[in-house]
Amino acid sequence: MRQVLFHIPLPFVLRAESFPDGLPVHGFGAMLFLVFVAVVLIVLTLTGIYLWMIPVMRKRRSARQRALAQGTSPA
Protein backbone atom coordinates (compact mmCIF):
# COMPACT_ATOMS: atom_id res chain seq x y z
CA MET A 1 0.00 0.00 0.00
CA ARG A 2 1.31 3.42 -0.89
CA GLN A 3 2.17 5.74 1.98
CA VAL A 4 0.59 8.80 0.35
CA LEU A 5 -2.44 8.20 -1.86
CA PHE A 6 -2.63 11.71 -3.31
CA HIS A 7 -2.07 15.37 -2.49
CA ILE A 8 -4.83 17.94 -2.04
CA PRO A 9 -3.59 21.01 -3.90
CA LEU A 10 -3.53 24.17 -1.81
CA PRO A 11 -3.73 27.74 -3.11
CA PHE A 12 -0.41 29.54 -3.31
CA VAL A 13 -1.30 31.71 -0.30
CA LEU A 14 -1.88 28.71 1.99
CA ARG A 15 1.04 26.64 0.70
CA ALA A 16 3.59 26.04 3.44
CA GLU A 17 7.23 25.11 3.08
CA SER A 18 6.55 21.75 4.71
CA PHE A 19 3.86 20.85 2.09
CA PRO A 20 5.13 22.15 -1.26
CA ASP A 21 3.02 19.65 -3.26
CA GLY A 22 -0.14 20.19 -1.21
CA LEU A 23 -1.70 18.44 1.75
CA PRO A 24 -0.90 14.70 1.63
CA VAL A 25 -3.67 12.14 2.20
CA HIS A 26 -2.10 9.08 3.76
CA GLY A 27 -3.39 5.59 3.05
CA PHE A 28 -3.77 4.59 6.69
CA GLY A 29 -5.68 7.77 7.56
CA ALA A 30 -8.00 7.34 4.58
CA MET A 31 -8.62 3.72 5.57
CA LEU A 32 -9.48 4.72 9.15
CA PHE A 33 -11.89 7.41 7.89
CA LEU A 34 -13.69 4.96 5.59
CA VAL A 35 -14.00 2.40 8.39
CA PHE A 36 -15.39 5.11 10.69
CA VAL A 37 -18.05 6.08 8.13
CA ALA A 38 -18.98 2.43 7.55
CA VAL A 39 -19.30 1.72 11.29
CA VAL A 40 -21.45 4.81 11.83
CA LEU A 41 -23.80 3.76 9.02
CA ILE A 42 -24.03 0.22 10.39
CA VAL A 43 -24.75 1.44 13.93
CA LEU A 44 -27.39 3.92 12.73
CA THR A 45 -29.05 1.21 10.66
CA LEU A 46 -29.03 -1.40 13.46
CA THR A 47 -30.42 1.04 16.03
CA GLY A 48 -33.16 2.18 13.66
CA ILE A 49 -32.17 5.84 13.76
CA TYR A 50 -31.22 5.77 10.10
CA LEU A 51 -34.51 4.10 9.14
CA TRP A 52 -36.43 6.66 11.19
CA MET A 53 -34.61 9.74 9.91
CA ILE A 54 -34.75 9.07 6.15
CA PRO A 55 -38.58 9.28 5.88
CA VAL A 56 -38.55 12.47 7.94
CA MET A 57 -35.98 14.04 5.61
CA ARG A 58 -37.96 12.94 2.52
CA LYS A 59 -41.16 14.37 3.97
CA ARG A 60 -39.49 17.74 4.62
CA ARG A 61 -38.00 17.79 1.13
CA SER A 62 -41.32 17.01 -0.56
CA ALA A 63 -43.09 19.69 1.50
CA ARG A 64 -40.41 22.18 0.46
CA GLN A 65 -40.76 21.21 -3.21
CA ARG A 66 -44.58 21.48 -3.03
CA ALA A 67 -44.32 24.93 -1.46
CA LEU A 68 -41.91 26.10 -4.16
CA ALA A 69 -44.16 24.72 -6.89
CA GLN A 70 -47.16 26.61 -5.44
CA GLY A 71 -45.11 29.81 -5.20
CA THR A 72 -45.24 30.11 -1.43
CA SER A 73 -42.26 30.26 0.85
CA PRO A 74 -41.44 26.99 2.66
CA ALA A 75 -41.88 27.09 6.42
PDB file of N, CA and C in Angstrom:
ATOM      1  N   MET A   1       0.840  -1.171   0.000  1.00  0.00           N
ATOM      2  CA  MET A   1       0.000   0.000   0.000  1.00  0.00           C
ATOM      3  C   MET A   1       0.886   1.236   0.000  1.00  0.00           C
ATOM      4  N   ARG A   2       0.506   2.206  -0.807  1.00  0.00           N
ATOM      5  CA  ARG A   2       1.307   3.423  -0.887  1.00  0.00           C
ATOM      6  C   ARG A   2       1.154   4.244   0.382  1.00  0.00           C
ATOM      7  N   GLN A   3       2.215   4.912   0.782  1.00  0.00           N
ATOM      8  CA  GLN A   3       2.173   5.736   1.979  1.00  0.00           C
ATOM      9  C   GLN A   3       1.266   6.952   1.787  1.00  0.00           C
ATOM     10  N   VAL A   4       1.408   7.621   0.649  1.00  0.00           N
ATOM     11  CA  VAL A   4       0.588   8.800   0.352  1.00  0.00           C
ATOM     12  C   VAL A   4      -0.241   8.479  -0.886  1.00  0.00           C
ATOM     13  N   LEU A   5      -1.566   8.521  -0.743  1.00  0.00           N
ATOM     14  CA  LEU A   5      -2.443   8.196  -1.862  1.00  0.00           C
ATOM     15  C   LEU A   5      -2.457   9.312  -2.896  1.00  0.00           C
ATOM     16  N   PHE A   6      -2.639  10.552  -2.416  1.00  0.00           N
ATOM     17  CA  PHE A   6      -2.629  11.706  -3.312  1.00  0.00           C
ATOM     18  C   PHE A   6      -2.434  12.962  -2.477  1.00  0.00           C
ATOM     19  N   HIS A   7      -2.249  14.077  -3.151  1.00  0.00           N
ATOM     20  CA  HIS A   7      -2.071  15.367  -2.495  1.00  0.00           C
ATOM     21  C   HIS A   7      -3.255  16.262  -2.828  1.00  0.00           C
ATOM     22  N   ILE A   8      -3.779  16.942  -1.811  1.00  0.00           N
ATOM     23  CA  ILE A   8      -4.825  17.935  -2.040  1.00  0.00           C
ATOM     24  C   ILE A   8      -4.112  19.245  -2.345  1.00  0.00           C
ATOM     25  N   PRO A   9      -4.294  19.783  -3.561  1.00  0.00           N
ATOM     26  CA  PRO A   9      -3.590  21.012  -3.901  1.00  0.00           C
ATOM     27  C   PRO A   9      -4.106  22.188  -3.077  1.00  0.00           C
ATOM     28  N   LEU A  10      -3.187  22.985  -2.593  1.00  0.00           N
ATOM     29  CA  LEU A  10      -3.528  24.167  -1.807  1.00  0.00           C
ATOM     30  C   LEU A  10      -3.253  25.418  -2.631  1.00  0.00           C
ATOM     31  N   PRO A  11      -4.036  26.480  -2.423  1.00  0.00           N
ATOM     32  CA  PRO A  11      -3.732  27.739  -3.106  1.00  0.00           C
ATOM     33  C   PRO A  11      -2.348  28.240  -2.703  1.00  0.00           C
ATOM     34  N   PHE A  12      -1.773  29.060  -3.537  1.00  0.00           N
ATOM     35  CA  PHE A  12      -0.410  29.539  -3.311  1.00  0.00           C
ATOM     36  C   PHE A  12      -0.292  30.258  -1.964  1.00  0.00           C
ATOM     37  N   VAL A  13      -1.338  30.944  -1.547  1.00  0.00           N
ATOM     38  CA  VAL A  13      -1.301  31.708  -0.298  1.00  0.00           C
ATOM     39  C   VAL A  13      -1.187  30.776   0.907  1.00  0.00           C
ATOM     40  N   LEU A  14      -1.878  29.630   0.862  1.00  0.00           N
ATOM     41  CA  LEU A  14      -1.880  28.706   1.990  1.00  0.00           C
ATOM     42  C   LEU A  14      -0.730  27.709   1.959  1.00  0.00           C
ATOM     43  N   ARG A  15      -0.019  27.645   0.856  1.00  0.00           N
ATOM     44  CA  ARG A  15       1.036  26.638   0.703  1.00  0.00           C
ATOM     45  C   ARG A  15       2.181  26.911   1.682  1.00  0.00           C
ATOM     46  N   ALA A  16       2.510  25.913   2.459  1.00  0.00           N
ATOM     47  CA  ALA A  16       3.587  26.036   3.440  1.00  0.00           C
ATOM     48  C   ALA A  16       4.846  25.376   2.893  1.00  0.00           C
ATOM     49  N   GLU A  17       5.963  25.703   3.512  1.00  0.00           N
ATOM     50  CA  GLU A  17       7.231  25.112   3.080  1.00  0.00           C
ATOM     51  C   GLU A  17       7.263  23.615   3.368  1.00  0.00           C
ATOM     52  N   SER A  18       6.535  23.173   4.372  1.00  0.00           N
ATOM     53  CA  SER A  18       6.550  21.751   4.715  1.00  0.00           C
ATOM     54  C   SER A  18       5.684  20.921   3.770  1.00  0.00           C
ATOM     55  N   PHE A  19       4.723  21.552   3.048  1.00  0.00           N
ATOM     56  CA  PHE A  19       3.861  20.853   2.094  1.00  0.00           C
ATOM     57  C   PHE A  19       3.915  21.537   0.732  1.00  0.00           C
ATOM     58  N   PRO A  20       5.034  21.442   0.029  1.00  0.00           N
ATOM     59  CA  PRO A  20       5.131  22.147  -1.260  1.00  0.00           C
ATOM     60  C   PRO A  20       4.222  21.568  -2.342  1.00  0.00           C
ATOM     61  N   ASP A  21       3.884  20.273  -2.259  1.00  0.00           N
ATOM     62  CA  ASP A  21       3.023  19.647  -3.265  1.00  0.00           C
ATOM     63  C   ASP A  21       1.548  19.701  -2.889  1.00  0.00           C
ATOM     64  N   GLY A  22       1.230  20.174  -1.707  1.00  0.00           N
ATOM     65  CA  GLY A  22      -0.137  20.194  -1.212  1.00  0.00           C
ATOM     66  C   GLY A  22      -0.252  19.328   0.028  1.00  0.00           C
ATOM     67  N   LEU A  23      -1.451  19.211   0.535  1.00  0.00           N
ATOM     68  CA  LEU A  23      -1.702  18.440   1.748  1.00  0.00           C
ATOM     69  C   LEU A  23      -1.768  16.957   1.414  1.00  0.00           C
ATOM     70  N   PRO A  24      -0.888  16.121   1.975  1.00  0.00           N
ATOM     71  CA  PRO A  24      -0.897  14.698   1.634  1.00  0.00           C
ATOM     72  C   PRO A  24      -2.034  13.948   2.334  1.00  0.00           C
ATOM     73  N   VAL A  25      -2.658  13.021   1.619  1.00  0.00           N
ATOM     74  CA  VAL A  25      -3.668  12.139   2.196  1.00  0.00           C
ATOM     75  C   VAL A  25      -3.021  10.763   2.297  1.00  0.00           C
ATOM     76  N   HIS A  26      -2.786  10.341   3.529  1.00  0.00           N
ATOM     77  CA  HIS A  26      -2.096   9.080   3.762  1.00  0.00           C
ATOM     78  C   HIS A  26      -3.060   7.907   3.681  1.00  0.00           C
ATOM     79  N   GLY A  27      -2.569   6.776   3.235  1.00  0.00           N
ATOM     80  CA  GLY A  27      -3.387   5.591   3.053  1.00  0.00           C
ATOM     81  C   GLY A  27      -4.011   5.091   4.336  1.00  0.00           C
ATOM     82  N   PHE A  28      -3.256   5.091   5.421  1.00  0.00           N
ATOM     83  CA  PHE A  28      -3.774   4.591   6.693  1.00  0.00           C
ATOM     84  C   PHE A  28      -4.862   5.503   7.228  1.00  0.00           C
ATOM     85  N   GLY A  29      -4.673   6.818   7.107  1.00  0.00           N
ATOM     86  CA  GLY A  29      -5.682   7.772   7.564  1.00  0.00           C
ATOM     87  C   GLY A  29      -6.958   7.666   6.749  1.00  0.00           C
ATOM     88  N   ALA A  30      -6.828   7.490   5.436  1.00  0.00           N
ATOM     89  CA  ALA A  30      -8.001   7.335   4.579  1.00  0.00           C
ATOM     90  C   ALA A  30      -8.746   6.049   4.920  1.00  0.00           C
ATOM     91  N   MET A  31      -8.001   4.992   5.205  1.00  0.00           N
ATOM     92  CA  MET A  31      -8.623   3.722   5.570  1.00  0.00           C
ATOM     93  C   MET A  31      -9.383   3.858   6.889  1.00  0.00           C
ATOM     94  N   LEU A  32      -8.805   4.526   7.873  1.00  0.00           N
ATOM     95  CA  LEU A  32      -9.484   4.722   9.150  1.00  0.00           C
ATOM     96  C   LEU A  32     -10.757   5.545   8.980  1.00  0.00           C
ATOM     97  N   PHE A  33     -10.709   6.567   8.136  1.00  0.00           N
ATOM     98  CA  PHE A  33     -11.887   7.405   7.890  1.00  0.00           C
ATOM     99  C   PHE A  33     -13.006   6.590   7.253  1.00  0.00           C
ATOM    100  N   LEU A  34     -12.672   5.778   6.248  1.00  0.00           N
ATOM    101  CA  LEU A  34     -13.694   4.964   5.587  1.00  0.00           C
ATOM    102  C   LEU A  34     -14.304   3.937   6.542  1.00  0.00           C
ATOM    103  N   VAL A  35     -13.486   3.350   7.405  1.00  0.00           N
ATOM    104  CA  VAL A  35     -14.000   2.401   8.393  1.00  0.00           C
ATOM    105  C   VAL A  35     -14.914   3.118   9.380  1.00  0.00           C
ATOM    106  N   PHE A  36     -14.552   4.327   9.783  1.00  0.00           N
ATOM    107  CA  PHE A  36     -15.391   5.106  10.692  1.00  0.00           C
ATOM    108  C   PHE A  36     -16.761   5.379  10.077  1.00  0.00           C
ATOM    109  N   VAL A  37     -16.785   5.809   8.819  1.00  0.00           N
ATOM    110  CA  VAL A  37     -18.047   6.082   8.135  1.00  0.00           C
ATOM    111  C   VAL A  37     -18.880   4.811   8.025  1.00  0.00           C
ATOM    112  N   ALA A  38     -18.258   3.694   7.679  1.00  0.00           N
ATOM    113  CA  ALA A  38     -18.981   2.431   7.553  1.00  0.00           C
ATOM    114  C   ALA A  38     -19.570   2.001   8.892  1.00  0.00           C
ATOM    115  N   VAL A  39     -18.808   2.124   9.965  1.00  0.00           N
ATOM    116  CA  VAL A  39     -19.298   1.722  11.289  1.00  0.00           C
ATOM    117  C   VAL A  39     -20.452   2.618  11.729  1.00  0.00           C
ATOM    118  N   VAL A  40     -20.359   3.906  11.466  1.00  0.00           N
ATOM    119  CA  VAL A  40     -21.448   4.814  11.832  1.00  0.00           C
ATOM    120  C   VAL A  40     -22.719   4.440  11.079  1.00  0.00           C
ATOM    121  N   LEU A  41     -22.614   4.155   9.784  1.00  0.00           N
ATOM    122  CA  LEU A  41     -23.798   3.761   9.017  1.00  0.00           C
ATOM    123  C   LEU A  41     -24.388   2.453   9.528  1.00  0.00           C
ATOM    124  N   ILE A  42     -23.542   1.494   9.869  1.00  0.00           N
ATOM    125  CA  ILE A  42     -24.027   0.215  10.393  1.00  0.00           C
ATOM    126  C   ILE A  42     -24.730   0.415  11.728  1.00  0.00           C
ATOM    127  N   VAL A  43     -24.143   1.202  12.613  1.00  0.00           N
ATOM    128  CA  VAL A  43     -24.745   1.441  13.928  1.00  0.00           C
ATOM    129  C   VAL A  43     -26.076   2.171  13.782  1.00  0.00           C
ATOM    130  N   LEU A  44     -26.130   3.189  12.928  1.00  0.00           N
ATOM    131  CA  LEU A  44     -27.385   3.917  12.732  1.00  0.00           C
ATOM    132  C   LEU A  44     -28.460   3.018  12.150  1.00  0.00           C
ATOM    133  N   THR A  45     -28.089   2.124  11.252  1.00  0.00           N
ATOM    134  CA  THR A  45     -29.052   1.210  10.659  1.00  0.00           C
ATOM    135  C   THR A  45     -29.538   0.189  11.686  1.00  0.00           C
ATOM    136  N   LEU A  46     -28.640  -0.381  12.470  1.00  0.00           N
ATOM    137  CA  LEU A  46     -29.029  -1.396  13.457  1.00  0.00           C
ATOM    138  C   LEU A  46     -29.879  -0.810  14.579  1.00  0.00           C
ATOM    139  N   THR A  47     -29.637   0.434  14.953  1.00  0.00           N
ATOM    140  CA  THR A  47     -30.420   1.044  16.030  1.00  0.00           C
ATOM    141  C   THR A  47     -31.749   1.581  15.522  1.00  0.00           C
ATOM    142  N   GLY A  48     -31.908   1.686  14.212  1.00  0.00           N
ATOM    143  CA  GLY A  48     -33.159   2.179  13.661  1.00  0.00           C
ATOM    144  C   GLY A  48     -33.199   3.674  13.469  1.00  0.00           C
ATOM    145  N   ILE A  49     -32.179   4.386  13.918  1.00  0.00           N
ATOM    146  CA  ILE A  49     -32.166   5.843  13.761  1.00  0.00           C
ATOM    147  C   ILE A  49     -32.125   6.211  12.287  1.00  0.00           C
ATOM    148  N   TYR A  50     -31.332   5.495  11.525  1.00  0.00           N
ATOM    149  CA  TYR A  50     -31.223   5.772  10.103  1.00  0.00           C
ATOM    150  C   TYR A  50     -32.560   5.533   9.414  1.00  0.00           C
ATOM    151  N   LEU A  51     -33.231   4.431   9.761  1.00  0.00           N
ATOM    152  CA  LEU A  51     -34.511   4.098   9.141  1.00  0.00           C
ATOM    153  C   LEU A  51     -35.613   5.062   9.570  1.00  0.00           C
ATOM    154  N   TRP A  52     -35.455   5.695  10.720  1.00  0.00           N
ATOM    155  CA  TRP A  52     -36.426   6.665  11.190  1.00  0.00           C
ATOM    156  C   TRP A  52     -36.190   8.027  10.573  1.00  0.00           C
ATOM    157  N   MET A  53     -34.939   8.383  10.360  1.00  0.00           N
ATOM    158  CA  MET A  53     -34.613   9.738   9.912  1.00  0.00           C
ATOM    159  C   MET A  53     -34.828   9.934   8.417  1.00  0.00           C
ATOM    160  N   ILE A  54     -34.613   8.921   7.600  1.00  0.00           N
ATOM    161  CA  ILE A  54     -34.750   9.069   6.151  1.00  0.00           C
ATOM    162  C   ILE A  54     -36.166   9.472   5.749  1.00  0.00           C
ATOM    163  N   PRO A  55     -37.235   8.820   6.247  1.00  0.00           N
ATOM    164  CA  PRO A  55     -38.579   9.276   5.877  1.00  0.00           C
ATOM    165  C   PRO A  55     -38.870  10.704   6.325  1.00  0.00           C
ATOM    166  N   VAL A  56     -38.350  11.104   7.468  1.00  0.00           N
ATOM    167  CA  VAL A  56     -38.550  12.473   7.942  1.00  0.00           C
ATOM    168  C   VAL A  56     -37.895  13.457   6.985  1.00  0.00           C
ATOM    169  N   MET A  57     -36.677  13.154   6.545  1.00  0.00           N
ATOM    170  CA  MET A  57     -35.984  14.041   5.611  1.00  0.00           C
ATOM    171  C   MET A  57     -36.703  14.092   4.276  1.00  0.00           C
ATOM    172  N   ARG A  58     -37.226  12.951   3.792  1.00  0.00           N
ATOM    173  CA  ARG A  58     -37.956  12.936   2.523  1.00  0.00           C
ATOM    174  C   ARG A  58     -39.255  13.730   2.627  1.00  0.00           C
ATOM    175  N   LYS A  59     -39.922  13.638   3.764  1.00  0.00           N
ATOM    176  CA  LYS A  59     -41.165  14.374   3.969  1.00  0.00           C
ATOM    177  C   LYS A  59     -40.900  15.883   3.947  1.00  0.00           C
ATOM    178  N   ARG A  60     -39.854  16.321   4.612  1.00  0.00           N
ATOM    179  CA  ARG A  60     -39.494  17.742   4.620  1.00  0.00           C
ATOM    180  C   ARG A  60     -39.145  18.221   3.218  1.00  0.00           C
ATOM    181  N   ARG A  61     -38.397  17.396   2.476  1.00  0.00           N
ATOM    182  CA  ARG A  61     -38.001  17.788   1.127  1.00  0.00           C
ATOM    183  C   ARG A  61     -39.211  17.895   0.207  1.00  0.00           C
ATOM    184  N   SER A  62     -40.142  16.953   0.301  1.00  0.00           N
ATOM    185  CA  SER A  62     -41.318  17.013  -0.562  1.00  0.00           C
ATOM    186  C   SER A  62     -42.205  18.196  -0.196  1.00  0.00           C
ATOM    187  N   ALA A  63     -42.315  18.520   1.092  1.00  0.00           N
ATOM    188  CA  ALA A  63     -43.093  19.692   1.500  1.00  0.00           C
ATOM    189  C   ALA A  63     -42.456  20.966   0.965  1.00  0.00           C
ATOM    190  N   ARG A  64     -41.129  21.018   0.987  1.00  0.00           N
ATOM    191  CA  ARG A  64     -40.411  22.180   0.461  1.00  0.00           C
ATOM    192  C   ARG A  64     -40.616  22.303  -1.042  1.00  0.00           C
ATOM    193  N   GLN A  65     -40.567  21.189  -1.751  1.00  0.00           N
ATOM    194  CA  GLN A  65     -40.761  21.210  -3.207  1.00  0.00           C
ATOM    195  C   GLN A  65     -42.195  21.600  -3.559  1.00  0.00           C
ATOM    196  N   ARG A  66     -43.187  21.105  -2.788  1.00  0.00           N
ATOM    197  CA  ARG A  66     -44.579  21.481  -3.030  1.00  0.00           C
ATOM    198  C   ARG A  66     -44.795  22.974  -2.810  1.00  0.00           C
ATOM    199  N   ALA A  67     -44.171  23.506  -1.754  1.00  0.00           N
ATOM    200  CA  ALA A  67     -44.317  24.935  -1.457  1.00  0.00           C
ATOM    201  C   ALA A  67     -43.685  25.779  -2.560  1.00  0.00           C
ATOM    202  N   LEU A  68     -42.555  25.349  -3.069  1.00  0.00           N
ATOM    203  CA  LEU A  68     -41.911  26.097  -4.155  1.00  0.00           C
ATOM    204  C   LEU A  68     -42.726  26.020  -5.435  1.00  0.00           C
ATOM    205  N   ALA A  69     -43.347  24.872  -5.686  1.00  0.00           N
ATOM    206  CA  ALA A  69     -44.164  24.716  -6.890  1.00  0.00           C
ATOM    207  C   ALA A  69     -45.429  25.588  -6.823  1.00  0.00           C
ATOM    208  N   GLN A  70     -45.963  25.793  -5.604  1.00  0.00           N
ATOM    209  CA  GLN A  70     -47.156  26.607  -5.441  1.00  0.00           C
ATOM    210  C   GLN A  70     -46.814  28.097  -5.386  1.00  0.00           C
ATOM    211  N   GLY A  71     -45.537  28.414  -5.245  1.00  0.00           N
ATOM    212  CA  GLY A  71     -45.114  29.808  -5.204  1.00  0.00           C
ATOM    213  C   GLY A  71     -45.123  30.410  -3.825  1.00  0.00           C
ATOM    214  N   THR A  72     -45.296  29.606  -2.795  1.00  0.00           N
ATOM    215  CA  THR A  72     -45.244  30.109  -1.431  1.00  0.00           C
ATOM    216  C   THR A  72     -43.881  29.806  -0.843  1.00  0.00           C
ATOM    217  N   SER A  73     -43.564  30.500   0.218  1.00  0.00           N
ATOM    218  CA  SER A  73     -42.261  30.259   0.853  1.00  0.00           C
ATOM    219  C   SER A  73     -42.381  29.060   1.775  1.00  0.00           C
ATOM    220  N   PRO A  74     -41.391  28.154   1.770  1.00  0.00           N
ATOM    221  CA  PRO A  74     -41.438  26.993   2.658  1.00  0.00           C
ATOM    222  C   PRO A  74     -41.266  27.406   4.106  1.00  0.00           C
ATOM    223  N   ALA A  75     -41.950  26.746   4.999  1.00  0.00           N
ATOM    224  CA  ALA A  75     -41.881  27.087   6.422  1.00  0.00           C
ATOM    225  C   ALA A  75     -40.737  26.378   7.095  1.00  0.00           C
TER     226      ALA A  75
END
